Amino acid sequence: GEQTLFLLQMLGEVANADAVAAQKQKLD
C-alpha cells in the first residue's frame, strides 16, 4: 500500500580475523 516494509534476515555473526582467513582459503 502506502507503507514501506523491511524484511531483515540475520545471516550470522561477523567472523573474527582468524575465521575470515580460514574462510578465504576455502573460498580460494
PDB file of all heavy atoms in Angstrom:
ATOM      1  N   GLY A   1       0.837  -1.189   0.000  1.00  0.00           N
ATOM      2  CA  GLY A   1       0.000   0.000   0.000  1.00  0.00           C
ATOM      3  C   GLY A   1       0.872   1.239   0.000  1.00  0.00           C
ATOM      4  O   GLY A   1       1.764   1.390  -0.835  1.00  0.00           O
ATOM      5  N   GLU A   2       0.639   2.129   0.965  1.00  0.00           N
ATOM      6  CA  GLU A   2       1.440   3.352   1.077  1.00  0.00           C
ATOM      7  C   GLU A   2       2.636   3.161   1.994  1.00  0.00           C
ATOM      8  O   GLU A   2       3.430   4.077   2.187  1.00  0.00           O
ATOM      9  CB  GLU A   2       0.557   4.498   1.619  1.00  0.00           C
ATOM     10  CG  GLU A   2      -0.615   4.861   0.725  1.00  0.00           C
ATOM     11  CD  GLU A   2      -0.143   5.400  -0.624  1.00  0.00           C
ATOM     12  OE1 GLU A   2       0.846   6.150  -0.654  1.00  0.00           O
ATOM     13  OE2 GLU A   2      -0.765   5.049  -1.635  1.00  0.00           O
ATOM     14  N   GLN A   3       2.774   1.986   2.562  1.00  0.00           N
ATOM     15  CA  GLN A   3       3.783   1.753   3.586  1.00  0.00           C
ATOM     16  C   GLN A   3       4.978   0.975   3.032  1.00  0.00           C
ATOM     17  O   GLN A   3       4.825   0.117   2.178  1.00  0.00           O
ATOM     18  CB  GLN A   3       3.145   0.957   4.736  1.00  0.00           C
ATOM     19  CG  GLN A   3       3.956   0.967   6.023  1.00  0.00           C
ATOM     20  CD  GLN A   3       3.205   0.289   7.145  1.00  0.00           C
ATOM     21  OE1 GLN A   3       2.446  -0.641   6.913  1.00  0.00           O
ATOM     22  NE2 GLN A   3       3.407   0.738   8.377  1.00  0.00           N
ATOM     23  N   THR A   4       6.175   1.324   3.526  1.00  0.00           N
ATOM     24  CA  THR A   4       7.382   0.579   3.196  1.00  0.00           C
ATOM     25  C   THR A   4       7.679  -0.404   4.318  1.00  0.00           C
ATOM     26  O   THR A   4       7.705  -0.036   5.490  1.00  0.00           O
ATOM     27  CB  THR A   4       8.587   1.515   3.006  1.00  0.00           C
ATOM     28  OG1 THR A   4       8.306   2.446   1.966  1.00  0.00           O
ATOM     29  CG2 THR A   4       9.832   0.730   2.635  1.00  0.00           C
ATOM     30  N   LEU A   5       7.883  -1.668   3.944  1.00  0.00           N
ATOM     31  CA  LEU A   5       8.216  -2.698   4.918  1.00  0.00           C
ATOM     32  C   LEU A   5       9.624  -3.227   4.653  1.00  0.00           C
ATOM     33  O   LEU A   5      10.096  -3.194   3.521  1.00  0.00           O
ATOM     34  CB  LEU A   5       7.211  -3.856   4.847  1.00  0.00           C
ATOM     35  CG  LEU A   5       5.742  -3.511   5.090  1.00  0.00           C
ATOM     36  CD1 LEU A   5       4.894  -4.779   5.040  1.00  0.00           C
ATOM     37  CD2 LEU A   5       5.549  -2.802   6.417  1.00  0.00           C
ATOM     38  N   PHE A   6      10.268  -3.711   5.722  1.00  0.00           N
ATOM     39  CA  PHE A   6      11.629  -4.222   5.613  1.00  0.00           C
ATOM     40  C   PHE A   6      11.676  -5.639   6.166  1.00  0.00           C
ATOM     41  O   PHE A   6      11.221  -5.887   7.290  1.00  0.00           O
ATOM     42  CB  PHE A   6      12.612  -3.339   6.388  1.00  0.00           C
ATOM     43  CG  PHE A   6      12.582  -1.894   5.987  1.00  0.00           C
ATOM     44  CD1 PHE A   6      11.770  -0.983   6.658  1.00  0.00           C
ATOM     45  CD2 PHE A   6      13.344  -1.446   4.920  1.00  0.00           C
ATOM     46  CE1 PHE A   6      11.733   0.340   6.280  1.00  0.00           C
ATOM     47  CE2 PHE A   6      13.313  -0.116   4.538  1.00  0.00           C
ATOM     48  CZ  PHE A   6      12.506   0.773   5.214  1.00  0.00           C
ATOM     49  N   LEU A   7      12.208  -6.562   5.383  1.00  0.00           N
ATOM     50  CA  LEU A   7      12.419  -7.936   5.821  1.00  0.00           C
ATOM     51  C   LEU A   7      13.896  -8.068   6.190  1.00  0.00           C
ATOM     52  O   LEU A   7      14.770  -7.932   5.329  1.00  0.00           O
ATOM     53  CB  LEU A   7      12.047  -8.924   4.719  1.00  0.00           C
ATOM     54  CG  LEU A   7      12.000 -10.394   5.108  1.00  0.00           C
ATOM     55  CD1 LEU A   7      10.823 -10.667   6.038  1.00  0.00           C
ATOM     56  CD2 LEU A   7      11.897 -11.279   3.872  1.00  0.00           C
ATOM     57  N   LEU A   8      14.173  -8.303   7.473  1.00  0.00           N
ATOM     58  CA  LEU A   8      15.541  -8.390   7.971  1.00  0.00           C
ATOM     59  C   LEU A   8      15.866  -9.842   8.287  1.00  0.00           C
ATOM     60  O   LEU A   8      15.176 -10.474   9.107  1.00  0.00           O
ATOM     61  CB  LEU A   8      15.723  -7.539   9.231  1.00  0.00           C
ATOM     62  CG  LEU A   8      15.264  -6.067   9.168  1.00  0.00           C
ATOM     63  CD1 LEU A   8      15.580  -5.365  10.478  1.00  0.00           C
ATOM     64  CD2 LEU A   8      15.925  -5.349   8.016  1.00  0.00           C
ATOM     65  N   GLN A   9      16.888 -10.380   7.636  1.00  0.00           N
ATOM     66  CA  GLN A   9      17.314 -11.747   7.891  1.00  0.00           C
ATOM     67  C   GLN A   9      18.735 -11.730   8.451  1.00  0.00           C
ATOM     68  O   GLN A   9      19.654 -11.239   7.791  1.00  0.00           O
ATOM     69  CB  GLN A   9      17.287 -12.577   6.605  1.00  0.00           C
ATOM     70  CG  GLN A   9      15.916 -12.643   5.944  1.00  0.00           C
ATOM     71  CD  GLN A   9      15.911 -13.631   4.797  1.00  0.00           C
ATOM     72  OE1 GLN A   9      16.163 -14.818   4.969  1.00  0.00           O
ATOM     73  NE2 GLN A   9      15.615 -13.147   3.596  1.00  0.00           N
ATOM     74  N   MET A  10      18.911 -12.246   9.660  1.00  0.00           N
ATOM     75  CA  MET A  10      20.213 -12.273  10.308  1.00  0.00           C
ATOM     76  C   MET A  10      20.968 -13.513   9.838  1.00  0.00           C
ATOM     77  O   MET A  10      20.650 -14.641  10.237  1.00  0.00           O
ATOM     78  CB  MET A  10      20.072 -12.282  11.836  1.00  0.00           C
ATOM     79  CG  MET A  10      19.590 -10.959  12.421  1.00  0.00           C
ATOM     80  SD  MET A  10      17.917 -10.494  11.902  1.00  0.00           S
ATOM     81  CE  MET A  10      17.674  -9.003  12.817  1.00  0.00           C
ATOM     82  N   LEU A  11      21.982 -13.303   8.993  1.00  0.00           N
ATOM     83  CA  LEU A  11      22.651 -14.420   8.335  1.00  0.00           C
ATOM     84  C   LEU A  11      23.756 -15.047   9.171  1.00  0.00           C
ATOM     85  O   LEU A  11      24.211 -16.135   8.877  1.00  0.00           O
ATOM     86  CB  LEU A  11      23.219 -13.953   6.990  1.00  0.00           C
ATOM     87  CG  LEU A  11      22.192 -13.355   6.022  1.00  0.00           C
ATOM     88  CD1 LEU A  11      22.876 -12.931   4.738  1.00  0.00           C
ATOM     89  CD2 LEU A  11      21.087 -14.359   5.723  1.00  0.00           C
ATOM     90  N   GLY A  12      24.212 -14.348  10.191  1.00  0.00           N
ATOM     91  CA  GLY A  12      25.263 -14.934  11.029  1.00  0.00           C
ATOM     92  C   GLY A  12      26.139 -13.858  11.653  1.00  0.00           C
ATOM     93  O   GLY A  12      26.110 -12.689  11.250  1.00  0.00           O
ATOM     94  N   GLU A  13      26.905 -14.252  12.644  1.00  0.00           N
ATOM     95  CA  GLU A  13      27.805 -13.316  13.311  1.00  0.00           C
ATOM     96  C   GLU A  13      28.967 -12.946  12.398  1.00  0.00           C
ATOM     97  O   GLU A  13      29.415 -13.754  11.579  1.00  0.00           O
ATOM     98  CB  GLU A  13      28.362 -13.921  14.599  1.00  0.00           C
ATOM     99  CG  GLU A  13      27.302 -14.173  15.666  1.00  0.00           C
ATOM    100  CD  GLU A  13      27.916 -14.670  16.955  1.00  0.00           C
ATOM    101  OE1 GLU A  13      28.987 -14.151  17.341  1.00  0.00           O
ATOM    102  OE2 GLU A  13      27.332 -15.568  17.585  1.00  0.00           O
ATOM    103  N   VAL A  14      29.433 -11.716  12.543  1.00  0.00           N
ATOM    104  CA  VAL A  14      30.616 -11.274  11.802  1.00  0.00           C
ATOM    105  C   VAL A  14      31.830 -12.002  12.376  1.00  0.00           C
ATOM    106  O   VAL A  14      32.091 -11.952  13.589  1.00  0.00           O
ATOM    107  CB  VAL A  14      30.797  -9.748  11.916  1.00  0.00           C
ATOM    108  CG1 VAL A  14      32.068  -9.315  11.205  1.00  0.00           C
ATOM    109  CG2 VAL A  14      29.594  -9.042  11.310  1.00  0.00           C
ATOM    110  N   ALA A  15      32.550 -12.721  11.527  1.00  0.00           N
ATOM    111  CA  ALA A  15      33.648 -13.571  11.998  1.00  0.00           C
ATOM    112  C   ALA A  15      34.872 -12.753  12.401  1.00  0.00           C
ATOM    113  O   ALA A  15      35.064 -11.627  11.939  1.00  0.00           O
ATOM    114  CB  ALA A  15      34.035 -14.558  10.903  1.00  0.00           C
ATOM    115  N   ASN A  16      35.717 -13.343  13.253  1.00  0.00           N
ATOM    116  CA  ASN A  16      36.961 -12.685  13.627  1.00  0.00           C
ATOM    117  C   ASN A  16      38.007 -12.880  12.535  1.00  0.00           C
ATOM    118  O   ASN A  16      37.768 -13.575  11.547  1.00  0.00           O
ATOM    119  CB  ASN A  16      37.466 -13.217  14.980  1.00  0.00           C
ATOM    120  CG  ASN A  16      37.668 -14.723  14.961  1.00  0.00           C
ATOM    121  OD1 ASN A  16      38.115 -15.271  13.945  1.00  0.00           O
ATOM    122  ND2 ASN A  16      37.331 -15.390  16.057  1.00  0.00           N
ATOM    123  N   ALA A  17      39.179 -12.294  12.720  1.00  0.00           N
ATOM    124  CA  ALA A  17      40.205 -12.283  11.669  1.00  0.00           C
ATOM    125  C   ALA A  17      40.662 -13.693  11.293  1.00  0.00           C
ATOM    126  O   ALA A  17      40.856 -13.997  10.118  1.00  0.00           O
ATOM    127  CB  ALA A  17      41.397 -11.443  12.115  1.00  0.00           C
ATOM    128  N   ASP A  18      40.838 -14.579  12.309  1.00  0.00           N
ATOM    129  CA  ASP A  18      41.283 -15.943  12.010  1.00  0.00           C
ATOM    130  C   ASP A  18      40.244 -16.692  11.195  1.00  0.00           C
ATOM    131  O   ASP A  18      40.575 -17.418  10.251  1.00  0.00           O
ATOM    132  CB  ASP A  18      41.560 -16.695  13.317  1.00  0.00           C
ATOM    133  CG  ASP A  18      42.787 -16.153  14.033  1.00  0.00           C
ATOM    134  OD1 ASP A  18      43.629 -15.520  13.347  1.00  0.00           O
ATOM    135  OD2 ASP A  18      42.896 -16.364  15.254  1.00  0.00           O
ATOM    136  N   ALA A  19      38.983 -16.510  11.569  1.00  0.00           N
ATOM    137  CA  ALA A  19      37.914 -17.191  10.838  1.00  0.00           C
ATOM    138  C   ALA A  19      37.811 -16.669   9.413  1.00  0.00           C
ATOM    139  O   ALA A  19      37.566 -17.422   8.471  1.00  0.00           O
ATOM    140  CB  ALA A  19      36.581 -17.006  11.564  1.00  0.00           C
ATOM    141  N   VAL A  20      38.024 -15.351   9.256  1.00  0.00           N
ATOM    142  CA  VAL A  20      37.979 -14.764   7.909  1.00  0.00           C
ATOM    143  C   VAL A  20      39.084 -15.336   7.033  1.00  0.00           C
ATOM    144  O   VAL A  20      38.869 -15.668   5.866  1.00  0.00           O
ATOM    145  CB  VAL A  20      38.099 -13.221   7.989  1.00  0.00           C
ATOM    146  CG1 VAL A  20      38.320 -12.627   6.598  1.00  0.00           C
ATOM    147  CG2 VAL A  20      36.848 -12.626   8.616  1.00  0.00           C
ATOM    148  N   ALA A  21      40.301 -15.479   7.606  1.00  0.00           N
ATOM    149  CA  ALA A  21      41.422 -16.021   6.839  1.00  0.00           C
ATOM    150  C   ALA A  21      41.151 -17.464   6.419  1.00  0.00           C
ATOM    151  O   ALA A  21      41.438 -17.858   5.284  1.00  0.00           O
ATOM    152  CB  ALA A  21      42.699 -15.931   7.674  1.00  0.00           C
ATOM    153  N   ALA A  22      40.599 -18.256   7.357  1.00  0.00           N
ATOM    154  CA  ALA A  22      40.290 -19.648   7.035  1.00  0.00           C
ATOM    155  C   ALA A  22      39.213 -19.733   5.952  1.00  0.00           C
ATOM    156  O   ALA A  22      39.294 -20.556   5.037  1.00  0.00           O
ATOM    157  CB  ALA A  22      39.827 -20.376   8.294  1.00  0.00           C
ATOM    158  N   GLN A  23      38.212 -18.852   6.083  1.00  0.00           N
ATOM    159  CA  GLN A  23      37.137 -18.844   5.081  1.00  0.00           C
ATOM    160  C   GLN A  23      37.672 -18.437   3.713  1.00  0.00           C
ATOM    161  O   GLN A  23      37.277 -18.990   2.683  1.00  0.00           O
ATOM    162  CB  GLN A  23      36.027 -17.881   5.521  1.00  0.00           C
ATOM    163  CG  GLN A  23      34.810 -17.857   4.604  1.00  0.00           C
ATOM    164  CD  GLN A  23      34.067 -19.174   4.607  1.00  0.00           C
ATOM    165  OE1 GLN A  23      34.185 -19.955   5.538  1.00  0.00           O
ATOM    166  NE2 GLN A  23      33.315 -19.440   3.555  1.00  0.00           N
ATOM    167  N   LYS A  24      38.604 -17.458   3.679  1.00  0.00           N
ATOM    168  CA  LYS A  24      39.179 -17.022   2.408  1.00  0.00           C
ATOM    169  C   LYS A  24      39.950 -18.148   1.742  1.00  0.00           C
ATOM    170  O   LYS A  24      39.891 -18.326   0.529  1.00  0.00           O
ATOM    171  CB  LYS A  24      40.101 -15.825   2.626  1.00  0.00           C
ATOM    172  CG  LYS A  24      40.676 -15.252   1.330  1.00  0.00           C
ATOM    173  CD  LYS A  24      41.553 -14.057   1.590  1.00  0.00           C
ATOM    174  CE  LYS A  24      42.037 -13.467   0.271  1.00  0.00           C
ATOM    175  NZ  LYS A  24      42.750 -14.403  -0.593  1.00  0.00           N
ATOM    176  N   GLN A  25      40.673 -18.942   2.553  1.00  0.00           N
ATOM    177  CA  GLN A  25      41.420 -20.061   1.993  1.00  0.00           C
ATOM    178  C   GLN A  25      40.476 -21.080   1.355  1.00  0.00           C
ATOM    179  O   GLN A  25      40.728 -21.592   0.260  1.00  0.00           O
ATOM    180  CB  GLN A  25      42.252 -20.718   3.088  1.00  0.00           C
ATOM    181  CG  GLN A  25      43.194 -21.808   2.557  1.00  0.00           C
ATOM    182  CD  GLN A  25      44.073 -22.374   3.652  1.00  0.00           C
ATOM    183  OE1 GLN A  25      43.775 -22.242   4.828  1.00  0.00           O
ATOM    184  NE2 GLN A  25      45.161 -23.008   3.268  1.00  0.00           N
ATOM    185  N   LYS A  26      39.367 -21.372   2.045  1.00  0.00           N
ATOM    186  CA  LYS A  26      38.381 -22.292   1.489  1.00  0.00           C
ATOM    187  C   LYS A  26      37.789 -21.736   0.195  1.00  0.00           C
ATOM    188  O   LYS A  26      37.582 -22.456  -0.790  1.00  0.00           O
ATOM    189  CB  LYS A  26      37.258 -22.543   2.502  1.00  0.00           C
ATOM    190  CG  LYS A  26      37.690 -23.309   3.744  1.00  0.00           C
ATOM    191  CD  LYS A  26      36.514 -23.464   4.710  1.00  0.00           C
ATOM    192  CE  LYS A  26      36.943 -24.173   5.983  1.00  0.00           C
ATOM    193  NZ  LYS A  26      35.811 -24.266   6.955  1.00  0.00           N
ATOM    194  N   LEU A  27      37.488 -20.425   0.207  1.00  0.00           N
ATOM    195  CA  LEU A  27      36.893 -19.801  -0.971  1.00  0.00           C
ATOM    196  C   LEU A  27      37.848 -19.822  -2.147  1.00  0.00           C
ATOM    197  O   LEU A  27      37.443 -20.073  -3.291  1.00  0.00           O
ATOM    198  CB  LEU A  27      36.481 -18.354  -0.650  1.00  0.00           C
ATOM    199  CG  LEU A  27      35.814 -17.567  -1.783  1.00  0.00           C
ATOM    200  CD1 LEU A  27      34.545 -18.264  -2.245  1.00  0.00           C
ATOM    201  CD2 LEU A  27      35.518 -16.145  -1.346  1.00  0.00           C
ATOM    202  N   ASP A  28      39.139 -19.572  -1.889  1.00  0.00           N
ATOM    203  CA  ASP A  28      40.129 -19.607  -2.968  1.00  0.00           C
ATOM    204  C   ASP A  28      40.178 -20.987  -3.628  1.00  0.00           C
ATOM    205  O   ASP A  28      40.284 -21.104  -4.853  1.00  0.00           O
ATOM    206  CB  ASP A  28      41.518 -19.235  -2.432  1.00  0.00           C
ATOM    207  CG  ASP A  28      41.634 -17.751  -2.123  1.00  0.00           C
ATOM    208  OD1 ASP A  28      40.789 -16.984  -2.631  1.00  0.00           O
ATOM    209  OD2 ASP A  28      42.550 -17.374  -1.373  1.00  0.00           O
TER     210      ASP A  28
END
